[in-house]
All heavy atoms as atom14 arrays in JSON, in Angstrom:
{
  "sequence": "AKALARSIDCSVRRIQFTPDLLPSDVTGVSVYNQETRDFEFKP",
  "atom14_mask": [
    [1, 1, 1, 1, 1, 0, 0, 0, 0, 0, 0, 0, 0, 0],
    [1, 1, 1, 1, 1, 1, 1, 1, 1, 0, 0, 0, 0, 0],
    [1, 1, 1, 1, 1, 0, 0, 0, 0, 0, 0, 0, 0, 0],
    [1, 1, 1, 1, 1, 1, 1, 1, 0, 0, 0, 0, 0, 0],
    [1, 1, 1, 1, 1, 0, 0, 0, 0, 0, 0, 0, 0, 0],
    [1, 1, 1, 1, 1, 1, 1, 1, 1, 1, 1, 0, 0, 0],
    [1, 1, 1, 1, 1, 1, 0, 0, 0, 0, 0, 0, 0, 0],
    [1, 1, 1, 1, 1, 1, 1, 1, 0, 0, 0, 0, 0, 0],
    [1, 1, 1, 1, 1, 1, 1, 1, 0, 0, 0, 0, 0, 0],
    [1, 1, 1, 1, 1, 1, 0, 0, 0, 0, 0, 0, 0, 0],
    [1, 1, 1, 1, 1, 1, 0, 0, 0, 0, 0, 0, 0, 0],
    [1, 1, 1, 1, 1, 1, 1, 0, 0, 0, 0, 0, 0, 0],
    [1, 1, 1, 1, 1, 1, 1, 1, 1, 1, 1, 0, 0, 0],
    [1, 1, 1, 1, 1, 1, 1, 1, 1, 1, 1, 0, 0, 0],
    [1, 1, 1, 1, 1, 1, 1, 1, 0, 0, 0, 0, 0, 0],
    [1, 1, 1, 1, 1, 1, 1, 1, 1, 0, 0, 0, 0, 0],
    [1, 1, 1, 1, 1, 1, 1, 1, 1, 1, 1, 0, 0, 0],
    [1, 1, 1, 1, 1, 1, 1, 0, 0, 0, 0, 0, 0, 0],
    [1, 1, 1, 1, 1, 1, 1, 0, 0, 0, 0, 0, 0, 0],
    [1, 1, 1, 1, 1, 1, 1, 1, 0, 0, 0, 0, 0, 0],
    [1, 1, 1, 1, 1, 1, 1, 1, 0, 0, 0, 0, 0, 0],
    [1, 1, 1, 1, 1, 1, 1, 1, 0, 0, 0, 0, 0, 0],
    [1, 1, 1, 1, 1, 1, 1, 0, 0, 0, 0, 0, 0, 0],
    [1, 1, 1, 1, 1, 1, 0, 0, 0, 0, 0, 0, 0, 0],
    [1, 1, 1, 1, 1, 1, 1, 1, 0, 0, 0, 0, 0, 0],
    [1, 1, 1, 1, 1, 1, 1, 0, 0, 0, 0, 0, 0, 0],
    [1, 1, 1, 1, 1, 1, 1, 0, 0, 0, 0, 0, 0, 0],
    [1, 1, 1, 1, 0, 0, 0, 0, 0, 0, 0, 0, 0, 0],
    [1, 1, 1, 1, 1, 1, 1, 0, 0, 0, 0, 0, 0, 0],
    [1, 1, 1, 1, 1, 1, 0, 0, 0, 0, 0, 0, 0, 0],
    [1, 1, 1, 1, 1, 1, 1, 0, 0, 0, 0, 0, 0, 0],
    [1, 1, 1, 1, 1, 1, 1, 1, 1, 1, 1, 1, 0, 0],
    [1, 1, 1, 1, 1, 1, 1, 1, 0, 0, 0, 0, 0, 0],
    [1, 1, 1, 1, 1, 1, 1, 1, 1, 0, 0, 0, 0, 0],
    [1, 1, 1, 1, 1, 1, 1, 1, 1, 0, 0, 0, 0, 0],
    [1, 1, 1, 1, 1, 1, 1, 0, 0, 0, 0, 0, 0, 0],
    [1, 1, 1, 1, 1, 1, 1, 1, 1, 1, 1, 0, 0, 0],
    [1, 1, 1, 1, 1, 1, 1, 1, 0, 0, 0, 0, 0, 0],
    [1, 1, 1, 1, 1, 1, 1, 1, 1, 1, 1, 0, 0, 0],
    [1, 1, 1, 1, 1, 1, 1, 1, 1, 0, 0, 0, 0, 0],
    [1, 1, 1, 1, 1, 1, 1, 1, 1, 1, 1, 0, 0, 0],
    [1, 1, 1, 1, 1, 1, 1, 1, 1, 0, 0, 0, 0, 0],
    [1, 1, 1, 1, 1, 1, 1, 0, 0, 0, 0, 0, 0, 0]
  ],
  "atom14_positions": [
    [[32.82, -0.66, 16.28], [31.63, -0.31, 15.54], [31.14, 1.1, 16.06], [30.78, 1.93, 15.24], [30.56, -1.32, 15.75], [0.0, 0.0, 0.0], [0.0, 0.0, 0.0], [0.0, 0.0, 0.0], [0.0, 0.0, 0.0], [0.0, 0.0, 0.0], [0.0, 0.0, 0.0], [0.0, 0.0, 0.0], [0.0, 0.0, 0.0], [0.0, 0.0, 0.0]],
    [[31.13, 1.29, 17.31], [30.71, 2.61, 17.88], [31.63, 3.7, 17.47], [31.2, 4.82, 17.2], [30.58, 2.5, 19.41], [29.36, 1.73, 19.95], [29.32, 1.8, 21.42], [28.08, 1.14, 21.98], [28.03, 1.21, 23.44], [0.0, 0.0, 0.0], [0.0, 0.0, 0.0], [0.0, 0.0, 0.0], [0.0, 0.0, 0.0], [0.0, 0.0, 0.0]],
    [[32.92, 3.44, 17.54], [33.87, 4.49, 17.11], [33.76, 4.88, 15.72], [33.9, 6.11, 15.39], [35.34, 3.96, 17.43], [0.0, 0.0, 0.0], [0.0, 0.0, 0.0], [0.0, 0.0, 0.0], [0.0, 0.0, 0.0], [0.0, 0.0, 0.0], [0.0, 0.0, 0.0], [0.0, 0.0, 0.0], [0.0, 0.0, 0.0], [0.0, 0.0, 0.0]],
    [[33.55, 3.94, 14.87], [33.38, 4.26, 13.42], [32.11, 5.07, 13.27], [32.01, 6.08, 12.49], [33.19, 2.92, 12.63], [32.9, 3.09, 11.14], [34.01, 3.92, 10.37], [32.74, 1.77, 10.44], [0.0, 0.0, 0.0], [0.0, 0.0, 0.0], [0.0, 0.0, 0.0], [0.0, 0.0, 0.0], [0.0, 0.0, 0.0], [0.0, 0.0, 0.0]],
    [[31.01, 4.72, 13.99], [29.75, 5.45, 13.91], [29.88, 6.91, 14.42], [29.39, 7.84, 13.81], [28.63, 4.73, 14.69], [0.0, 0.0, 0.0], [0.0, 0.0, 0.0], [0.0, 0.0, 0.0], [0.0, 0.0, 0.0], [0.0, 0.0, 0.0], [0.0, 0.0, 0.0], [0.0, 0.0, 0.0], [0.0, 0.0, 0.0], [0.0, 0.0, 0.0]],
    [[30.6, 7.02, 15.51], [30.72, 8.34, 16.08], [31.71, 9.26, 15.31], [31.71, 10.45, 15.5], [31.19, 8.28, 17.57], [30.19, 7.65, 18.49], [30.56, 7.85, 19.93], [29.52, 7.22, 20.8], [29.51, 7.32, 22.15], [30.46, 8.09, 22.69], [28.61, 6.74, 22.81], [0.0, 0.0, 0.0], [0.0, 0.0, 0.0], [0.0, 0.0, 0.0]],
    [[32.53, 8.67, 14.46], [33.47, 9.49, 13.69], [32.81, 10.21, 12.54], [33.42, 11.09, 11.93], [34.61, 8.58, 13.19], [35.37, 8.06, 14.22], [0.0, 0.0, 0.0], [0.0, 0.0, 0.0], [0.0, 0.0, 0.0], [0.0, 0.0, 0.0], [0.0, 0.0, 0.0], [0.0, 0.0, 0.0], [0.0, 0.0, 0.0], [0.0, 0.0, 0.0]],
    [[31.59, 9.84, 12.22], [30.85, 10.4, 11.08], [29.61, 11.05, 11.59], [28.81, 10.51, 12.38], [30.48, 9.29, 10.09], [31.72, 8.49, 9.62], [29.76, 9.84, 8.89], [31.38, 7.25, 8.9], [0.0, 0.0, 0.0], [0.0, 0.0, 0.0], [0.0, 0.0, 0.0], [0.0, 0.0, 0.0], [0.0, 0.0, 0.0], [0.0, 0.0, 0.0]],
    [[29.44, 12.33, 11.29], [28.26, 13.08, 11.68], [27.06, 12.72, 10.85], [26.73, 13.39, 9.89], [28.54, 14.61, 11.62], [27.48, 15.43, 12.21], [26.63, 14.88, 12.89], [27.42, 16.65, 11.91], [0.0, 0.0, 0.0], [0.0, 0.0, 0.0], [0.0, 0.0, 0.0], [0.0, 0.0, 0.0], [0.0, 0.0, 0.0], [0.0, 0.0, 0.0]],
    [[26.48, 11.54, 11.13], [25.31, 11.1, 10.4], [24.43, 10.34, 11.4], [24.81, 10.12, 12.62], [25.72, 10.25, 9.24], [26.63, 8.77, 9.66], [0.0, 0.0, 0.0], [0.0, 0.0, 0.0], [0.0, 0.0, 0.0], [0.0, 0.0, 0.0], [0.0, 0.0, 0.0], [0.0, 0.0, 0.0], [0.0, 0.0, 0.0], [0.0, 0.0, 0.0]],
    [[23.31, 9.88, 10.96], [22.37, 9.17, 11.8], [22.89, 7.82, 12.11], [23.39, 7.06, 11.2], [21.01, 9.04, 11.17], [21.07, 8.46, 9.88], [0.0, 0.0, 0.0], [0.0, 0.0, 0.0], [0.0, 0.0, 0.0], [0.0, 0.0, 0.0], [0.0, 0.0, 0.0], [0.0, 0.0, 0.0], [0.0, 0.0, 0.0], [0.0, 0.0, 0.0]],
    [[22.84, 7.42, 13.4], [23.38, 6.14, 13.83], [22.37, 5.5, 14.79], [21.74, 6.17, 15.65], [24.71, 6.33, 14.62], [25.21, 5.0, 15.1], [25.75, 6.99, 13.76], [0.0, 0.0, 0.0], [0.0, 0.0, 0.0], [0.0, 0.0, 0.0], [0.0, 0.0, 0.0], [0.0, 0.0, 0.0], [0.0, 0.0, 0.0], [0.0, 0.0, 0.0]],
    [[22.1, 4.2, 14.55], [21.13, 3.49, 15.45], [21.82, 2.2, 15.84], [22.54, 1.52, 15.06], [19.87, 3.17, 14.76], [19.02, 4.32, 14.3], [18.46, 5.1, 15.48], [17.45, 4.34, 16.16], [16.16, 4.29, 15.84], [15.72, 4.93, 14.74], [15.28, 3.52, 16.54], [0.0, 0.0, 0.0], [0.0, 0.0, 0.0], [0.0, 0.0, 0.0]],
    [[21.68, 1.79, 17.09], [22.21, 0.55, 17.61], [21.09, -0.39, 17.96], [20.08, -0.04, 18.57], [23.01, 0.81, 18.86], [23.67, -0.42, 19.46], [24.59, 0.01, 20.67], [25.27, -1.13, 21.24], [24.75, -1.9, 22.19], [23.53, -1.71, 22.67], [25.44, -2.99, 22.66], [0.0, 0.0, 0.0], [0.0, 0.0, 0.0], [0.0, 0.0, 0.0]],
    [[21.26, -1.69, 17.54], [20.27, -2.69, 17.8], [20.91, -3.78, 18.66], [21.93, -4.35, 18.21], [19.69, -3.35, 16.49], [19.19, -2.2, 15.53], [18.59, -4.31, 16.83], [18.78, -2.76, 14.21], [0.0, 0.0, 0.0], [0.0, 0.0, 0.0], [0.0, 0.0, 0.0], [0.0, 0.0, 0.0], [0.0, 0.0, 0.0], [0.0, 0.0, 0.0]],
    [[20.36, -4.05, 19.81], [20.84, -5.17, 20.61], [20.0, -6.4, 20.26], [18.86, -6.47, 20.6], [20.79, -4.86, 22.09], [21.28, -6.03, 23.03], [22.73, -6.19, 22.81], [23.55, -5.3, 22.95], [23.12, -7.43, 22.54], [0.0, 0.0, 0.0], [0.0, 0.0, 0.0], [0.0, 0.0, 0.0], [0.0, 0.0, 0.0], [0.0, 0.0, 0.0]],
    [[20.63, -7.33, 19.52], [19.86, -8.48, 19.06], [19.68, -9.45, 20.21], [20.67, -9.86, 20.9], [20.58, -9.12, 17.92], [20.41, -8.41, 16.6], [21.2, -7.36, 16.23], [19.44, -8.84, 15.68], [20.98, -6.7, 15.07], [19.25, -8.19, 14.45], [20.04, -7.08, 14.15], [0.0, 0.0, 0.0], [0.0, 0.0, 0.0], [0.0, 0.0, 0.0]],
    [[18.43, -9.78, 20.42], [18.09, -10.75, 21.47], [17.0, -11.71, 20.94], [16.44, -11.44, 19.89], [17.46, -10.01, 22.73], [16.37, -9.23, 22.3], [18.51, -9.11, 23.36], [0.0, 0.0, 0.0], [0.0, 0.0, 0.0], [0.0, 0.0, 0.0], [0.0, 0.0, 0.0], [0.0, 0.0, 0.0], [0.0, 0.0, 0.0], [0.0, 0.0, 0.0]],
    [[16.82, -12.91, 21.57], [15.85, -13.84, 21.04], [14.43, -13.32, 20.92], [13.68, -13.76, 20.08], [15.9, -14.98, 22.03], [17.27, -14.87, 22.64], [17.59, -13.49, 22.71], [0.0, 0.0, 0.0], [0.0, 0.0, 0.0], [0.0, 0.0, 0.0], [0.0, 0.0, 0.0], [0.0, 0.0, 0.0], [0.0, 0.0, 0.0], [0.0, 0.0, 0.0]],
    [[14.05, -12.31, 21.73], [12.69, -11.83, 21.6], [12.54, -10.56, 20.68], [11.52, -10.0, 20.65], [12.2, -11.4, 23.04], [13.03, -10.32, 23.7], [14.16, -10.13, 23.21], [12.58, -9.77, 24.7], [0.0, 0.0, 0.0], [0.0, 0.0, 0.0], [0.0, 0.0, 0.0], [0.0, 0.0, 0.0], [0.0, 0.0, 0.0], [0.0, 0.0, 0.0]],
    [[13.6, -10.19, 19.99], [13.52, -9.12, 19.09], [12.66, -9.5, 17.8], [12.83, -10.61, 17.27], [14.97, -8.7, 18.62], [15.07, -7.43, 17.83], [14.87, -6.23, 18.68], [16.44, -7.37, 17.14], [0.0, 0.0, 0.0], [0.0, 0.0, 0.0], [0.0, 0.0, 0.0], [0.0, 0.0, 0.0], [0.0, 0.0, 0.0], [0.0, 0.0, 0.0]],
    [[11.86, -8.64, 17.48], [10.92, -8.89, 16.34], [11.39, -8.22, 15.04], [12.09, -7.2, 15.09], [9.49, -8.41, 16.67], [8.8, -9.06, 17.84], [7.5, -8.35, 18.1], [8.61, -10.52, 17.65], [0.0, 0.0, 0.0], [0.0, 0.0, 0.0], [0.0, 0.0, 0.0], [0.0, 0.0, 0.0], [0.0, 0.0, 0.0], [0.0, 0.0, 0.0]],
    [[11.04, -8.76, 13.92], [11.42, -8.11, 12.63], [10.93, -6.68, 12.55], [11.59, -5.78, 12.01], [10.71, -8.97, 11.57], [10.61, -10.32, 12.21], [10.34, -10.08, 13.66], [0.0, 0.0, 0.0], [0.0, 0.0, 0.0], [0.0, 0.0, 0.0], [0.0, 0.0, 0.0], [0.0, 0.0, 0.0], [0.0, 0.0, 0.0], [0.0, 0.0, 0.0]],
    [[9.72, -6.37, 13.1], [9.18, -5.05, 13.07], [10.02, -4.06, 13.87], [10.0, -2.85, 13.59], [7.7, -5.02, 13.57], [7.65, -5.56, 14.81], [0.0, 0.0, 0.0], [0.0, 0.0, 0.0], [0.0, 0.0, 0.0], [0.0, 0.0, 0.0], [0.0, 0.0, 0.0], [0.0, 0.0, 0.0], [0.0, 0.0, 0.0], [0.0, 0.0, 0.0]],
    [[10.73, -4.55, 14.9], [11.64, -3.75, 15.69], [12.85, -3.2, 14.84], [13.42, -2.19, 15.09], [12.17, -4.49, 16.87], [11.09, -4.87, 17.89], [10.1, -4.13, 17.95], [11.26, -5.98, 18.5], [0.0, 0.0, 0.0], [0.0, 0.0, 0.0], [0.0, 0.0, 0.0], [0.0, 0.0, 0.0], [0.0, 0.0, 0.0], [0.0, 0.0, 0.0]],
    [[13.15, -4.0, 13.76], [14.25, -3.66, 12.93], [13.75, -2.78, 11.75], [14.37, -1.72, 11.49], [14.93, -4.95, 12.39], [16.05, -4.54, 11.39], [15.46, -5.78, 13.52], [0.0, 0.0, 0.0], [0.0, 0.0, 0.0], [0.0, 0.0, 0.0], [0.0, 0.0, 0.0], [0.0, 0.0, 0.0], [0.0, 0.0, 0.0], [0.0, 0.0, 0.0]],
    [[12.74, -3.2, 11.05], [12.29, -2.52, 9.83], [11.3, -1.4, 10.07], [11.24, -0.44, 9.4], [11.71, -3.58, 8.89], [10.56, -4.17, 9.51], [12.7, -4.63, 8.49], [0.0, 0.0, 0.0], [0.0, 0.0, 0.0], [0.0, 0.0, 0.0], [0.0, 0.0, 0.0], [0.0, 0.0, 0.0], [0.0, 0.0, 0.0], [0.0, 0.0, 0.0]],
    [[10.41, -1.57, 11.09], [9.37, -0.64, 11.34], [8.01, -1.28, 11.19], [7.91, -2.46, 10.84], [0.0, 0.0, 0.0], [0.0, 0.0, 0.0], [0.0, 0.0, 0.0], [0.0, 0.0, 0.0], [0.0, 0.0, 0.0], [0.0, 0.0, 0.0], [0.0, 0.0, 0.0], [0.0, 0.0, 0.0], [0.0, 0.0, 0.0], [0.0, 0.0, 0.0]],
    [[7.0, -0.55, 11.54], [5.61, -1.13, 11.58], [4.6, -0.03, 11.24], [4.85, 1.13, 11.52], [5.36, -1.75, 12.92], [5.35, -0.68, 14.07], [4.07, -2.57, 12.98], [0.0, 0.0, 0.0], [0.0, 0.0, 0.0], [0.0, 0.0, 0.0], [0.0, 0.0, 0.0], [0.0, 0.0, 0.0], [0.0, 0.0, 0.0], [0.0, 0.0, 0.0]],
    [[3.55, -0.44, 10.63], [2.45, 0.5, 10.36], [1.5, 0.5, 11.56], [1.01, -0.56, 12.01], [1.7, 0.09, 9.11], [2.5, 0.15, 7.97], [0.0, 0.0, 0.0], [0.0, 0.0, 0.0], [0.0, 0.0, 0.0], [0.0, 0.0, 0.0], [0.0, 0.0, 0.0], [0.0, 0.0, 0.0], [0.0, 0.0, 0.0], [0.0, 0.0, 0.0]],
    [[1.21, 1.65, 12.05], [0.39, 1.82, 13.32], [-0.85, 2.63, 12.93], [-0.78, 3.58, 12.12], [1.16, 2.59, 14.38], [0.31, 2.72, 15.62], [2.45, 1.78, 14.74], [0.0, 0.0, 0.0], [0.0, 0.0, 0.0], [0.0, 0.0, 0.0], [0.0, 0.0, 0.0], [0.0, 0.0, 0.0], [0.0, 0.0, 0.0], [0.0, 0.0, 0.0]],
    [[-1.98, 2.25, 13.44], [-3.25, 2.91, 13.14], [-3.33, 4.19, 13.94], [-3.12, 4.21, 15.13], [-4.47, 2.03, 13.48], [-5.73, 2.6, 13.1], [-6.14, 2.65, 11.76], [-6.58, 3.13, 14.05], [-7.38, 3.17, 11.38], [-7.84, 3.7, 13.7], [-8.22, 3.74, 12.36], [-9.43, 4.29, 12.02], [0.0, 0.0, 0.0], [0.0, 0.0, 0.0]],
    [[-3.57, 5.29, 13.24], [-3.73, 6.6, 13.82], [-5.2, 6.91, 13.96], [-5.87, 7.11, 12.95], [-2.92, 7.72, 13.0], [-2.93, 9.01, 13.67], [-3.84, 9.39, 14.46], [-1.85, 9.76, 13.46], [0.0, 0.0, 0.0], [0.0, 0.0, 0.0], [0.0, 0.0, 0.0], [0.0, 0.0, 0.0], [0.0, 0.0, 0.0], [0.0, 0.0, 0.0]],
    [[-5.67, 7.05, 15.2], [-7.12, 7.27, 15.36], [-7.55, 8.62, 14.92], [-8.73, 8.89, 14.55], [-7.47, 7.04, 16.86], [-7.29, 5.61, 17.3], [-7.73, 5.41, 18.8], [-7.98, 6.39, 19.46], [-7.86, 4.17, 19.2], [0.0, 0.0, 0.0], [0.0, 0.0, 0.0], [0.0, 0.0, 0.0], [0.0, 0.0, 0.0], [0.0, 0.0, 0.0]],
    [[-6.65, 9.6, 14.93], [-7.0, 10.96, 14.55], [-7.29, 11.06, 13.02], [-8.21, 11.67, 12.53], [-5.93, 11.95, 14.94], [-5.83, 12.1, 16.5], [-4.77, 13.15, 16.87], [-4.15, 13.71, 15.95], [-4.56, 13.38, 18.05], [0.0, 0.0, 0.0], [0.0, 0.0, 0.0], [0.0, 0.0, 0.0], [0.0, 0.0, 0.0], [0.0, 0.0, 0.0]],
    [[-6.3, 10.49, 12.25], [-6.45, 10.52, 10.79], [-7.22, 9.33, 10.27], [-7.56, 9.26, 9.07], [-5.04, 10.52, 10.14], [-4.33, 9.33, 10.54], [-4.23, 11.68, 10.65], [0.0, 0.0, 0.0], [0.0, 0.0, 0.0], [0.0, 0.0, 0.0], [0.0, 0.0, 0.0], [0.0, 0.0, 0.0], [0.0, 0.0, 0.0], [0.0, 0.0, 0.0]],
    [[-7.49, 8.36, 11.16], [-8.2, 7.12, 10.81], [-7.48, 6.42, 9.63], [-8.12, 5.97, 8.59], [-9.65, 7.38, 10.48], [-10.4, 7.89, 11.67], [-11.89, 8.04, 11.35], [-12.66, 8.46, 12.52], [-13.97, 8.59, 12.5], [-14.72, 8.32, 11.43], [-14.59, 8.99, 13.63], [0.0, 0.0, 0.0], [0.0, 0.0, 0.0], [0.0, 0.0, 0.0]],
    [[-6.24, 6.36, 9.73], [-5.39, 5.7, 8.69], [-4.1, 5.13, 9.29], [-3.76, 5.55, 10.42], [-5.05, 6.72, 7.57], [-4.59, 5.97, 6.27], [-4.64, 4.76, 6.25], [-4.14, 6.71, 5.38], [0.0, 0.0, 0.0], [0.0, 0.0, 0.0], [0.0, 0.0, 0.0], [0.0, 0.0, 0.0], [0.0, 0.0, 0.0], [0.0, 0.0, 0.0]],
    [[-3.5, 4.24, 8.59], [-2.23, 3.66, 9.13], [-1.09, 4.55, 8.71], [-1.04, 5.03, 7.56], [-2.02, 2.29, 8.54], [-2.92, 1.25, 9.22], [-4.18, 0.88, 8.62], [-2.53, 0.54, 10.33], [-5.0, -0.02, 9.26], [-3.31, -0.4, 10.93], [-4.54, -0.68, 10.33], [0.0, 0.0, 0.0], [0.0, 0.0, 0.0], [0.0, 0.0, 0.0]],
    [[-0.17, 4.77, 9.63], [1.04, 5.52, 9.37], [2.24, 4.7, 9.74], [2.2, 3.91, 10.73], [1.06, 6.84, 10.07], [1.0, 6.78, 11.6], [1.05, 8.17, 12.18], [0.48, 9.1, 11.59], [1.56, 8.27, 13.34], [0.0, 0.0, 0.0], [0.0, 0.0, 0.0], [0.0, 0.0, 0.0], [0.0, 0.0, 0.0], [0.0, 0.0, 0.0]],
    [[3.32, 4.9, 8.98], [4.5, 4.01, 9.15], [5.42, 4.6, 10.22], [5.8, 5.79, 10.2], [5.31, 3.92, 7.84], [6.53, 3.09, 7.92], [6.45, 1.74, 8.19], [7.76, 3.65, 7.67], [7.63, 0.95, 8.26], [8.91, 2.99, 7.76], [8.87, 1.6, 8.03], [0.0, 0.0, 0.0], [0.0, 0.0, 0.0], [0.0, 0.0, 0.0]],
    [[5.83, 3.77, 11.14], [6.8, 4.16, 12.19], [8.1, 3.46, 11.84], [8.26, 2.2, 11.94], [6.36, 3.7, 13.55], [5.04, 4.39, 14.03], [5.15, 5.84, 14.21], [3.89, 6.45, 14.8], [4.05, 7.93, 15.01], [0.0, 0.0, 0.0], [0.0, 0.0, 0.0], [0.0, 0.0, 0.0], [0.0, 0.0, 0.0], [0.0, 0.0, 0.0]],
    [[9.13, 4.23, 11.4], [10.41, 3.61, 10.97], [11.07, 2.87, 12.1], [11.03, 3.33, 13.31], [11.26, 4.81, 10.5], [10.24, 5.88, 10.26], [9.17, 5.7, 11.19], [0.0, 0.0, 0.0], [0.0, 0.0, 0.0], [0.0, 0.0, 0.0], [0.0, 0.0, 0.0], [0.0, 0.0, 0.0], [0.0, 0.0, 0.0], [0.0, 0.0, 0.0]]
  ]
}
């Protein structure tokens, strides 16, 4: 899997799946930004 990923010059992310991994760790989460006073998405 790593060799295939490194053979292509594109964005690659690795996820080590564990019992304590949350869905938001995979998809992302909306975080409140105190400066803009609004929620912004963290991929």
